[in-house]
Amino acid sequence: MKNFIKISLIAVLLINSVGLYASEGNFSIKLKDVNEKSVTFFINETQVVEVSLYDANNEVVYGKKINAVKGSTKTYDLNSLPDGSYRFQLKTESNTAEYKIQLKDGKASVSDPLVADVVRPVLTKENGIITLNFENAPKGPLEIQILDRYNDAVYERVFEGEAKFVKRFDVAHGLKELTFIIRSANQVFTKTVQMY
């Protein structure tokens, strides 16, 4: 009988904790408590995460870039915010996850992700070579445009989307910065790379 009660109690706790937990890709976000206006999120791997909180008018209420360590947590106290709808966005080099947060009567609730992970290309620079790595690229055309610091196009090309797209660019000397614009499947990714 004691074992049955223990197992039942563990099952109830497990079900309650799963009910408060939403996960998407490399991100997960969890309410700290249903009686508080706090949100805690966990990062599954070491990475730079851009955290943004938007209000109902799509104005940035909070924004910060953090260097998250694998298994780290970050809690945000939302008590200073008025009741209403908010959008919590987490971005890394390769993914974006968004969650809707509803604040009402001193409580916070988190929805399932509004936007599934958006796979974004990763640009790396080494010895004058810039590598564009776009794993799980969407099917269809992939347009790449590179602009110099004066916004003049130095490279433009359209590729057919492949499951894994890798392209290397041997960058000419004398260029101080390049802006990469990558368009695919209703997504636009822009990143400026400093060459010095």
N, C-alpha and C. Protein backbone atom coordinates (compact mmCIF):
# COMPACT_ATOMS: atom_id res chain seq x y z
N MET A 1 0.82 -1.19 0.00
CA MET A 1 0.00 0.00 0.00
C MET A 1 0.87 1.26 0.00
N LYS A 2 1.97 1.24 0.80
CA LYS A 2 2.86 2.41 0.84
C LYS A 2 3.50 2.64 -0.52
N ASN A 3 3.89 1.56 -1.19
CA ASN A 3 4.49 1.70 -2.52
C ASN A 3 3.50 2.28 -3.51
N PHE A 4 2.24 1.87 -3.43
CA PHE A 4 1.21 2.39 -4.32
C PHE A 4 1.03 3.89 -4.12
N ILE A 5 1.02 4.34 -2.87
CA ILE A 5 0.86 5.77 -2.58
C ILE A 5 2.08 6.54 -3.09
N LYS A 6 3.28 6.01 -2.88
CA LYS A 6 4.49 6.67 -3.35
C LYS A 6 4.49 6.79 -4.87
N ILE A 7 4.13 5.71 -5.54
CA ILE A 7 4.11 5.72 -7.01
C ILE A 7 3.05 6.69 -7.51
N SER A 8 1.89 6.72 -6.86
CA SER A 8 0.83 7.65 -7.25
C SER A 8 1.28 9.10 -7.08
N LEU A 9 1.94 9.39 -5.97
CA LEU A 9 2.42 10.74 -5.71
C LEU A 9 3.47 11.16 -6.75
N ILE A 10 4.38 10.26 -7.08
CA ILE A 10 5.39 10.55 -8.10
C ILE A 10 4.73 10.78 -9.46
N ALA A 11 3.73 9.97 -9.79
CA ALA A 11 3.04 10.12 -11.07
C ALA A 11 2.34 11.47 -11.15
N VAL A 12 1.68 11.89 -10.07
CA VAL A 12 0.99 13.19 -10.05
C VAL A 12 1.99 14.33 -10.22
N LEU A 13 3.10 14.27 -9.51
CA LEU A 13 4.12 15.32 -9.63
C LEU A 13 4.70 15.36 -11.04
N LEU A 14 4.93 14.20 -11.62
CA LEU A 14 5.47 14.13 -12.96
C LEU A 14 4.50 14.71 -13.99
N ILE A 15 3.24 14.38 -13.87
CA ILE A 15 2.22 14.89 -14.79
C ILE A 15 2.10 16.40 -14.66
N ASN A 16 2.12 16.93 -13.43
CA ASN A 16 2.03 18.38 -13.23
C ASN A 16 3.23 19.09 -13.82
N SER A 17 4.42 18.55 -13.62
CA SER A 17 5.61 19.23 -14.15
C SER A 17 5.65 19.17 -15.67
N VAL A 18 5.19 18.10 -16.28
CA VAL A 18 5.14 18.00 -17.74
C VAL A 18 4.12 18.99 -18.29
N GLY A 19 3.04 19.23 -17.58
CA GLY A 19 2.02 20.17 -18.02
C GLY A 19 2.51 21.59 -18.09
N LEU A 20 3.54 21.95 -17.34
CA LEU A 20 4.07 23.31 -17.33
C LEU A 20 5.28 23.47 -18.23
N TYR A 21 5.61 22.48 -19.00
CA TYR A 21 6.87 22.46 -19.73
C TYR A 21 6.62 22.45 -21.23
N ALA A 22 7.24 23.40 -21.95
CA ALA A 22 7.15 23.44 -23.41
C ALA A 22 8.56 23.38 -23.95
N SER A 23 8.76 22.58 -24.99
CA SER A 23 10.12 22.42 -25.51
C SER A 23 10.12 22.54 -27.02
N GLU A 24 11.20 23.11 -27.56
CA GLU A 24 11.33 23.25 -29.00
C GLU A 24 12.81 23.26 -29.36
N GLY A 25 13.28 22.25 -30.06
CA GLY A 25 14.66 22.23 -30.54
C GLY A 25 15.67 22.33 -29.42
N ASN A 26 16.59 23.28 -29.53
CA ASN A 26 17.63 23.48 -28.53
C ASN A 26 17.13 24.28 -27.34
N PHE A 27 15.90 24.71 -27.36
CA PHE A 27 15.36 25.56 -26.32
C PHE A 27 14.31 24.82 -25.52
N SER A 28 14.13 25.23 -24.30
CA SER A 28 12.95 24.87 -23.55
C SER A 28 12.66 26.02 -22.61
N ILE A 29 11.40 26.26 -22.37
CA ILE A 29 11.01 27.34 -21.49
C ILE A 29 10.01 26.78 -20.50
N LYS A 30 10.13 27.16 -19.27
CA LYS A 30 9.31 26.56 -18.23
C LYS A 30 8.87 27.64 -17.25
N LEU A 31 7.62 27.60 -16.86
CA LEU A 31 7.14 28.49 -15.81
C LEU A 31 7.76 28.11 -14.48
N LYS A 32 8.17 29.10 -13.73
CA LYS A 32 8.74 28.81 -12.41
C LYS A 32 7.64 28.32 -11.47
N ASP A 33 6.51 28.99 -11.51
CA ASP A 33 5.40 28.64 -10.63
C ASP A 33 4.15 29.29 -11.19
N VAL A 34 3.00 28.67 -11.07
CA VAL A 34 1.76 29.23 -11.60
C VAL A 34 1.25 30.40 -10.77
N ASN A 35 1.79 30.63 -9.58
CA ASN A 35 1.35 31.74 -8.74
C ASN A 35 2.25 32.96 -8.90
N GLU A 36 3.28 32.86 -9.68
CA GLU A 36 4.22 33.96 -9.85
C GLU A 36 4.28 34.37 -11.31
N LYS A 37 4.69 35.62 -11.53
CA LYS A 37 4.92 36.08 -12.89
C LYS A 37 6.42 35.95 -13.18
N SER A 38 6.87 34.71 -13.27
CA SER A 38 8.28 34.42 -13.56
C SER A 38 8.35 33.36 -14.65
N VAL A 39 9.37 33.48 -15.48
CA VAL A 39 9.59 32.51 -16.55
C VAL A 39 11.05 32.06 -16.48
N THR A 40 11.25 30.76 -16.51
CA THR A 40 12.60 30.20 -16.51
C THR A 40 12.80 29.43 -17.80
N PHE A 41 13.95 29.63 -18.46
CA PHE A 41 14.23 28.80 -19.62
C PHE A 41 15.57 28.11 -19.44
N PHE A 42 15.69 26.97 -20.08
CA PHE A 42 16.87 26.12 -20.01
C PHE A 42 17.49 26.02 -21.40
N ILE A 43 18.81 25.99 -21.48
CA ILE A 43 19.51 25.83 -22.75
C ILE A 43 20.22 24.48 -22.73
N ASN A 44 19.99 23.68 -23.77
CA ASN A 44 20.52 22.32 -23.82
C ASN A 44 21.99 22.23 -24.24
N GLU A 45 22.54 23.28 -24.85
CA GLU A 45 23.93 23.24 -25.28
C GLU A 45 24.55 24.62 -25.14
N THR A 46 25.87 24.67 -25.04
CA THR A 46 26.58 25.94 -24.91
C THR A 46 26.44 26.72 -26.21
N GLN A 47 25.93 27.95 -26.10
CA GLN A 47 25.71 28.77 -27.28
C GLN A 47 25.39 30.20 -26.87
N VAL A 48 25.49 31.12 -27.83
CA VAL A 48 25.08 32.50 -27.60
C VAL A 48 23.59 32.57 -27.91
N VAL A 49 22.81 33.12 -26.97
CA VAL A 49 21.36 33.20 -27.13
C VAL A 49 20.94 34.66 -27.04
N GLU A 50 20.17 35.10 -28.02
CA GLU A 50 19.59 36.44 -28.00
C GLU A 50 18.17 36.32 -27.45
N VAL A 51 17.93 36.95 -26.30
CA VAL A 51 16.65 36.85 -25.61
C VAL A 51 15.90 38.16 -25.82
N SER A 52 14.65 38.09 -26.27
CA SER A 52 13.83 39.29 -26.47
C SER A 52 12.43 39.04 -25.94
N LEU A 53 11.86 40.08 -25.34
CA LEU A 53 10.48 40.04 -24.87
C LEU A 53 9.75 41.20 -25.52
N TYR A 54 8.66 40.90 -26.25
CA TYR A 54 7.88 41.91 -26.96
C TYR A 54 6.51 42.04 -26.32
N ASP A 55 5.97 43.29 -26.34
CA ASP A 55 4.61 43.48 -25.83
C ASP A 55 3.61 43.27 -26.96
N ALA A 56 2.32 43.54 -26.69
CA ALA A 56 1.26 43.30 -27.67
C ALA A 56 1.42 44.19 -28.90
N ASN A 57 2.11 45.34 -28.76
CA ASN A 57 2.33 46.25 -29.89
C ASN A 57 3.62 45.95 -30.64
N ASN A 58 4.22 44.82 -30.36
CA ASN A 58 5.46 44.37 -30.98
C ASN A 58 6.65 45.28 -30.65
N GLU A 59 6.57 45.98 -29.51
CA GLU A 59 7.67 46.81 -29.02
C GLU A 59 8.56 45.95 -28.13
N VAL A 60 9.87 46.13 -28.22
CA VAL A 60 10.80 45.37 -27.40
C VAL A 60 10.73 45.89 -25.96
N VAL A 61 10.35 45.02 -25.04
CA VAL A 61 10.29 45.35 -23.62
C VAL A 61 11.62 45.02 -22.96
N TYR A 62 12.25 43.95 -23.45
CA TYR A 62 13.53 43.50 -22.91
C TYR A 62 14.31 42.82 -24.02
N GLY A 63 15.59 43.05 -24.06
CA GLY A 63 16.45 42.38 -25.03
C GLY A 63 17.86 42.26 -24.49
N LYS A 64 18.45 41.09 -24.65
CA LYS A 64 19.80 40.86 -24.17
C LYS A 64 20.40 39.67 -24.90
N LYS A 65 21.71 39.73 -25.13
CA LYS A 65 22.44 38.61 -25.71
C LYS A 65 23.24 37.98 -24.58
N ILE A 66 23.06 36.67 -24.37
CA ILE A 66 23.75 35.98 -23.28
C ILE A 66 24.59 34.83 -23.82
N ASN A 67 25.67 34.54 -23.14
CA ASN A 67 26.49 33.37 -23.44
C ASN A 67 26.04 32.26 -22.51
N ALA A 68 25.21 31.36 -23.01
CA ALA A 68 24.63 30.31 -22.19
C ALA A 68 25.52 29.08 -22.19
N VAL A 69 25.68 28.51 -21.02
CA VAL A 69 26.46 27.29 -20.84
C VAL A 69 25.50 26.11 -20.88
N LYS A 70 25.96 24.98 -21.38
CA LYS A 70 25.12 23.78 -21.47
C LYS A 70 24.46 23.50 -20.12
N GLY A 71 23.15 23.29 -20.15
CA GLY A 71 22.40 22.98 -18.94
C GLY A 71 22.11 24.18 -18.07
N SER A 72 22.36 25.40 -18.57
CA SER A 72 22.14 26.59 -17.75
C SER A 72 20.67 26.99 -17.74
N THR A 73 20.30 27.76 -16.72
CA THR A 73 18.94 28.28 -16.61
C THR A 73 19.00 29.78 -16.40
N LYS A 74 17.95 30.45 -16.80
CA LYS A 74 17.82 31.89 -16.59
C LYS A 74 16.37 32.17 -16.25
N THR A 75 16.15 32.88 -15.14
CA THR A 75 14.79 33.20 -14.70
C THR A 75 14.56 34.69 -14.88
N TYR A 76 13.41 35.03 -15.45
CA TYR A 76 13.02 36.42 -15.64
C TYR A 76 11.79 36.70 -14.80
N ASP A 77 11.90 37.71 -13.94
CA ASP A 77 10.80 38.13 -13.09
C ASP A 77 9.99 39.16 -13.87
N LEU A 78 8.73 38.86 -14.14
CA LEU A 78 7.88 39.72 -14.95
C LEU A 78 6.91 40.54 -14.11
N ASN A 79 7.14 40.64 -12.80
CA ASN A 79 6.22 41.36 -11.92
C ASN A 79 6.09 42.83 -12.25
N SER A 80 7.11 43.44 -12.84
CA SER A 80 7.03 44.87 -13.16
C SER A 80 6.19 45.15 -14.41
N LEU A 81 5.82 44.10 -15.14
CA LEU A 81 5.02 44.27 -16.36
C LEU A 81 3.54 44.23 -16.04
N PRO A 82 2.75 45.06 -16.73
CA PRO A 82 1.29 45.01 -16.53
C PRO A 82 0.71 43.74 -17.15
N ASP A 83 -0.49 43.38 -16.72
CA ASP A 83 -1.17 42.23 -17.31
C ASP A 83 -1.33 42.44 -18.81
N GLY A 84 -1.26 41.36 -19.56
CA GLY A 84 -1.41 41.45 -21.01
C GLY A 84 -0.69 40.32 -21.71
N SER A 85 -0.63 40.44 -23.03
CA SER A 85 0.00 39.42 -23.86
C SER A 85 1.40 39.87 -24.24
N TYR A 86 2.32 38.93 -24.20
CA TYR A 86 3.71 39.19 -24.54
C TYR A 86 4.23 38.04 -25.40
N ARG A 87 5.33 38.30 -26.09
CA ARG A 87 5.96 37.28 -26.92
C ARG A 87 7.42 37.16 -26.49
N PHE A 88 7.84 35.95 -26.16
CA PHE A 88 9.19 35.67 -25.70
C PHE A 88 9.92 35.00 -26.86
N GLN A 89 11.05 35.58 -27.29
CA GLN A 89 11.78 35.05 -28.43
C GLN A 89 13.21 34.68 -28.03
N LEU A 90 13.64 33.49 -28.43
CA LEU A 90 15.00 33.00 -28.17
C LEU A 90 15.65 32.71 -29.52
N LYS A 91 16.80 33.33 -29.78
CA LYS A 91 17.50 33.14 -31.06
C LYS A 91 18.93 32.69 -30.80
N THR A 92 19.37 31.73 -31.62
CA THR A 92 20.78 31.36 -31.67
C THR A 92 21.24 31.52 -33.12
N GLU A 93 22.47 31.15 -33.40
CA GLU A 93 22.97 31.23 -34.78
C GLU A 93 22.13 30.39 -35.73
N SER A 94 21.56 29.30 -35.24
CA SER A 94 20.88 28.38 -36.15
C SER A 94 19.40 28.18 -35.89
N ASN A 95 18.84 28.72 -34.81
CA ASN A 95 17.43 28.47 -34.50
C ASN A 95 16.75 29.69 -33.91
N THR A 96 15.43 29.72 -34.04
CA THR A 96 14.60 30.73 -33.39
C THR A 96 13.38 30.04 -32.84
N ALA A 97 13.03 30.34 -31.60
CA ALA A 97 11.80 29.81 -31.00
C ALA A 97 11.06 30.97 -30.35
N GLU A 98 9.73 31.00 -30.53
CA GLU A 98 8.90 32.05 -29.95
C GLU A 98 7.78 31.43 -29.15
N TYR A 99 7.48 32.07 -28.03
CA TYR A 99 6.41 31.62 -27.14
C TYR A 99 5.55 32.81 -26.75
N LYS A 100 4.26 32.57 -26.63
CA LYS A 100 3.35 33.61 -26.18
C LYS A 100 3.21 33.47 -24.67
N ILE A 101 3.33 34.60 -23.97
CA ILE A 101 3.18 34.62 -22.52
C ILE A 101 1.99 35.50 -22.18
N GLN A 102 1.11 34.98 -21.38
CA GLN A 102 -0.07 35.73 -20.93
C GLN A 102 0.10 36.03 -19.45
N LEU A 103 0.09 37.31 -19.08
CA LEU A 103 0.15 37.72 -17.68
C LEU A 103 -1.23 38.20 -17.26
N LYS A 104 -1.75 37.58 -16.20
CA LYS A 104 -3.09 37.95 -15.74
C LYS A 104 -3.21 37.60 -14.26
N ASP A 105 -3.67 38.55 -13.47
CA ASP A 105 -3.94 38.36 -12.04
C ASP A 105 -2.74 37.78 -11.30
N GLY A 106 -1.55 38.28 -11.58
CA GLY A 106 -0.36 37.83 -10.87
C GLY A 106 0.16 36.47 -11.29
N LYS A 107 -0.34 35.94 -12.41
CA LYS A 107 0.09 34.63 -12.88
C LYS A 107 0.58 34.73 -14.32
N ALA A 108 1.50 33.85 -14.67
CA ALA A 108 2.02 33.78 -16.03
C ALA A 108 1.69 32.42 -16.62
N SER A 109 1.32 32.42 -17.89
CA SER A 109 1.13 31.15 -18.59
C SER A 109 1.87 31.23 -19.92
N VAL A 110 2.42 30.11 -20.34
CA VAL A 110 3.21 30.04 -21.56
C VAL A 110 2.52 29.10 -22.54
N SER A 111 2.41 29.55 -23.79
CA SER A 111 1.80 28.72 -24.83
C SER A 111 2.84 27.78 -25.43
N ASP A 112 2.36 26.90 -26.27
CA ASP A 112 3.27 26.12 -27.10
C ASP A 112 3.96 27.09 -28.05
N PRO A 113 5.06 26.70 -28.67
CA PRO A 113 5.76 27.62 -29.57
C PRO A 113 4.86 28.13 -30.69
N LEU A 114 4.92 29.45 -30.94
CA LEU A 114 4.17 30.04 -32.04
C LEU A 114 4.84 29.76 -33.38
N VAL A 115 6.15 29.76 -33.37
CA VAL A 115 6.92 29.51 -34.57
C VAL A 115 7.84 28.34 -34.29
N ALA A 116 7.79 27.34 -35.14
CA ALA A 116 8.71 26.21 -34.98
C ALA A 116 10.13 26.69 -35.23
N ASP A 117 11.08 25.87 -34.89
CA ASP A 117 12.48 26.25 -35.12
C ASP A 117 12.66 26.67 -36.57
N VAL A 118 13.31 27.80 -36.74
CA VAL A 118 13.66 28.28 -38.06
C VAL A 118 15.15 28.02 -38.21
N VAL A 119 15.50 27.16 -39.12
CA VAL A 119 16.91 26.83 -39.30
C VAL A 119 17.55 27.97 -40.07
N ARG A 120 18.58 28.55 -39.48
CA ARG A 120 19.25 29.68 -40.10
C ARG A 120 20.66 29.28 -40.48
N PRO A 121 21.20 29.91 -41.52
CA PRO A 121 22.56 29.60 -41.93
C PRO A 121 23.58 30.09 -40.90
N VAL A 122 24.73 29.45 -40.87
CA VAL A 122 25.82 29.83 -39.98
C VAL A 122 27.00 30.27 -40.84
N LEU A 123 27.53 31.46 -40.52
CA LEU A 123 28.70 31.98 -41.23
C LEU A 123 29.91 31.91 -40.30
N THR A 124 31.01 31.34 -40.81
CA THR A 124 32.26 31.30 -40.04
C THR A 124 33.38 31.88 -40.90
N LYS A 125 34.33 32.52 -40.25
CA LYS A 125 35.45 33.16 -40.95
C LYS A 125 36.75 32.57 -40.44
N GLU A 126 37.61 32.13 -41.38
CA GLU A 126 38.90 31.57 -41.00
C GLU A 126 39.89 31.76 -42.14
N ASN A 127 40.99 32.43 -41.87
CA ASN A 127 42.07 32.64 -42.85
C ASN A 127 41.58 33.24 -44.17
N GLY A 128 40.73 34.26 -44.10
CA GLY A 128 40.25 34.91 -45.31
C GLY A 128 39.19 34.14 -46.07
N ILE A 129 38.74 33.02 -45.53
CA ILE A 129 37.68 32.21 -46.15
C ILE A 129 36.44 32.31 -45.27
N ILE A 130 35.32 32.68 -45.88
CA ILE A 130 34.05 32.69 -45.16
C ILE A 130 33.26 31.48 -45.63
N THR A 131 32.81 30.67 -44.66
CA THR A 131 32.04 29.47 -44.97
C THR A 131 30.59 29.70 -44.58
N LEU A 132 29.70 29.47 -45.53
CA LEU A 132 28.26 29.53 -45.29
C LEU A 132 27.78 28.10 -45.15
N ASN A 133 27.26 27.75 -43.99
CA ASN A 133 26.78 26.40 -43.71
C ASN A 133 25.29 26.49 -43.41
N PHE A 134 24.48 25.86 -44.25
CA PHE A 134 23.03 25.91 -44.09
C PHE A 134 22.52 24.48 -44.04
N GLU A 135 22.59 23.87 -42.85
CA GLU A 135 22.09 22.51 -42.68
C GLU A 135 20.57 22.53 -42.71
N ASN A 136 19.99 21.50 -43.26
CA ASN A 136 18.53 21.38 -43.38
C ASN A 136 17.94 22.58 -44.10
N ALA A 137 18.59 23.01 -45.16
CA ALA A 137 18.09 24.14 -45.95
C ALA A 137 16.73 23.78 -46.53
N PRO A 138 15.80 24.75 -46.54
CA PRO A 138 14.49 24.46 -47.10
C PRO A 138 14.59 24.15 -48.59
N LYS A 139 13.66 23.36 -49.08
CA LYS A 139 13.64 23.04 -50.51
C LYS A 139 13.27 24.29 -51.29
N GLY A 140 13.76 24.34 -52.51
CA GLY A 140 13.47 25.49 -53.34
C GLY A 140 14.69 26.37 -53.48
N PRO A 141 14.52 27.50 -54.17
CA PRO A 141 15.68 28.36 -54.43
C PRO A 141 16.27 28.98 -53.17
N LEU A 142 17.58 29.12 -53.19
CA LEU A 142 18.34 29.74 -52.10
C LEU A 142 19.14 30.87 -52.72
N GLU A 143 18.76 32.11 -52.41
CA GLU A 143 19.40 33.28 -53.01
C GLU A 143 20.44 33.84 -52.04
N ILE A 144 21.66 34.02 -52.55
CA ILE A 144 22.75 34.56 -51.74
C ILE A 144 23.21 35.86 -52.39
N GLN A 145 23.26 36.90 -51.57
CA GLN A 145 23.74 38.20 -52.02
C GLN A 145 24.76 38.69 -50.99
N ILE A 146 25.89 39.18 -51.48
CA ILE A 146 26.93 39.72 -50.59
C ILE A 146 27.15 41.18 -50.97
N LEU A 147 27.08 42.06 -49.97
CA LEU A 147 27.27 43.49 -50.17
C LEU A 147 28.53 43.95 -49.46
N ASP A 148 29.22 44.94 -50.06
CA ASP A 148 30.37 45.52 -49.36
C ASP A 148 29.87 46.59 -48.39
N ARG A 149 30.80 47.30 -47.76
CA ARG A 149 30.38 48.27 -46.74
C ARG A 149 29.64 49.46 -47.32
N TYR A 150 29.68 49.65 -48.65
CA TYR A 150 28.95 50.72 -49.31
C TYR A 150 27.63 50.22 -49.89
N ASN A 151 27.24 49.01 -49.54
CA ASN A 151 26.02 48.35 -50.02
C ASN A 151 26.03 48.08 -51.52
N ASP A 152 27.22 47.95 -52.09
CA ASP A 152 27.34 47.53 -53.49
C ASP A 152 27.43 46.01 -53.51
N ALA A 153 26.69 45.39 -54.44
CA ALA A 153 26.70 43.93 -54.54
C ALA A 153 28.05 43.45 -55.09
N VAL A 154 28.69 42.54 -54.36
CA VAL A 154 29.94 41.94 -54.84
C VAL A 154 29.72 40.49 -55.25
N TYR A 155 28.55 39.93 -54.90
CA TYR A 155 28.23 38.55 -55.27
C TYR A 155 26.72 38.38 -55.22
N GLU A 156 26.16 37.76 -56.25
CA GLU A 156 24.73 37.43 -56.28
C GLU A 156 24.57 36.12 -57.04
N ARG A 157 23.84 35.19 -56.43
CA ARG A 157 23.60 33.92 -57.11
C ARG A 157 22.42 33.21 -56.46
N VAL A 158 21.69 32.45 -57.27
CA VAL A 158 20.57 31.64 -56.78
C VAL A 158 20.94 30.17 -56.97
N PHE A 159 20.79 29.39 -55.89
CA PHE A 159 21.07 27.95 -55.91
C PHE A 159 19.76 27.22 -55.66
N GLU A 160 19.67 25.99 -56.16
CA GLU A 160 18.54 25.15 -55.80
C GLU A 160 18.78 24.62 -54.40
N GLY A 161 17.75 24.68 -53.56
CA GLY A 161 17.88 24.24 -52.17
C GLY A 161 18.24 22.77 -52.07
N GLU A 162 19.17 22.47 -51.20
CA GLU A 162 19.58 21.09 -50.95
C GLU A 162 19.41 20.83 -49.46
N ALA A 163 19.42 19.57 -49.08
CA ALA A 163 19.26 19.23 -47.67
C ALA A 163 20.37 19.84 -46.83
N LYS A 164 21.59 19.85 -47.35
CA LYS A 164 22.71 20.47 -46.65
C LYS A 164 23.47 21.31 -47.66
N PHE A 165 23.55 22.60 -47.40
CA PHE A 165 24.19 23.52 -48.33
C PHE A 165 25.42 24.12 -47.66
N VAL A 166 26.60 23.96 -48.28
CA VAL A 166 27.84 24.55 -47.77
C VAL A 166 28.51 25.26 -48.94
N LYS A 167 28.87 26.52 -48.73
CA LYS A 167 29.53 27.31 -49.77
C LYS A 167 30.66 28.10 -49.11
N ARG A 168 31.84 28.09 -49.75
CA ARG A 168 32.99 28.82 -49.23
C ARG A 168 33.28 30.00 -50.16
N PHE A 169 33.63 31.14 -49.54
CA PHE A 169 33.94 32.35 -50.27
C PHE A 169 35.36 32.79 -49.91
N ASP A 170 36.22 32.88 -50.93
CA ASP A 170 37.57 33.38 -50.72
C ASP A 170 37.47 34.90 -50.85
N VAL A 171 37.63 35.58 -49.75
CA VAL A 171 37.37 37.01 -49.69
C VAL A 171 38.61 37.80 -50.11
N ALA A 172 38.38 38.76 -51.01
CA ALA A 172 39.48 39.61 -51.49
C ALA A 172 39.98 40.50 -50.35
N HIS A 173 41.28 40.75 -50.38
CA HIS A 173 41.88 41.62 -49.36
C HIS A 173 41.44 43.06 -49.59
N GLY A 174 41.42 43.84 -48.53
CA GLY A 174 41.04 45.24 -48.64
C GLY A 174 39.59 45.50 -48.28
N LEU A 175 38.78 44.46 -48.22
CA LEU A 175 37.39 44.65 -47.81
C LEU A 175 37.33 44.64 -46.29
N LYS A 176 36.66 45.64 -45.72
CA LYS A 176 36.61 45.75 -44.26
C LYS A 176 35.42 45.00 -43.67
N GLU A 177 34.30 44.98 -44.40
CA GLU A 177 33.14 44.23 -43.92
C GLU A 177 32.29 43.80 -45.10
N LEU A 178 31.60 42.70 -44.91
CA LEU A 178 30.70 42.17 -45.93
C LEU A 178 29.37 41.85 -45.26
N THR A 179 28.28 42.15 -45.94
CA THR A 179 26.95 41.82 -45.44
C THR A 179 26.39 40.70 -46.31
N PHE A 180 26.05 39.59 -45.67
CA PHE A 180 25.47 38.45 -46.35
C PHE A 180 23.96 38.51 -46.20
N ILE A 181 23.25 38.40 -47.32
CA ILE A 181 21.78 38.34 -47.31
C ILE A 181 21.41 37.02 -47.96
N ILE A 182 20.74 36.15 -47.20
CA ILE A 182 20.35 34.83 -47.69
C ILE A 182 18.84 34.74 -47.63
N ARG A 183 18.21 34.47 -48.77
CA ARG A 183 16.75 34.36 -48.85
C ARG A 183 16.37 32.94 -49.24
N SER A 184 15.40 32.40 -48.48
CA SER A 184 14.89 31.06 -48.80
C SER A 184 13.55 30.85 -48.11
N ALA A 185 12.61 30.27 -48.81
CA ALA A 185 11.32 29.84 -48.25
C ALA A 185 10.73 30.86 -47.27
N ASN A 186 10.48 32.06 -47.72
CA ASN A 186 9.88 33.12 -46.91
C ASN A 186 10.73 33.52 -45.72
N GLN A 187 12.01 33.28 -45.76
CA GLN A 187 12.93 33.68 -44.70
C GLN A 187 14.01 34.57 -45.31
N VAL A 188 14.42 35.56 -44.54
CA VAL A 188 15.55 36.39 -44.94
C VAL A 188 16.51 36.44 -43.76
N PHE A 189 17.75 36.08 -44.00
CA PHE A 189 18.79 36.09 -42.98
C PHE A 189 19.84 37.10 -43.41
N THR A 190 20.20 38.02 -42.51
CA THR A 190 21.20 39.04 -42.81
C THR A 190 22.25 39.04 -41.71
N LYS A 191 23.52 39.04 -42.11
CA LYS A 191 24.60 39.12 -41.13
C LYS A 191 25.78 39.85 -41.74
N THR A 192 26.34 40.77 -40.95
CA THR A 192 27.53 41.50 -41.38
C THR A 192 28.75 40.87 -40.73
N VAL A 193 29.76 40.61 -41.55
CA VAL A 193 31.00 39.98 -41.08
C VAL A 193 32.12 41.00 -41.20
N GLN A 194 32.79 41.27 -40.08
CA GLN A 194 33.95 42.17 -40.07
C GLN A 194 35.16 41.38 -40.56
N MET A 195 35.92 41.95 -41.47
CA MET A 195 37.02 41.22 -42.09
C MET A 195 38.36 41.44 -41.39
N TYR A 196 38.45 42.39 -40.50
CA TYR A 196 39.73 42.65 -39.83
C TYR A 196 39.73 42.11 -38.44
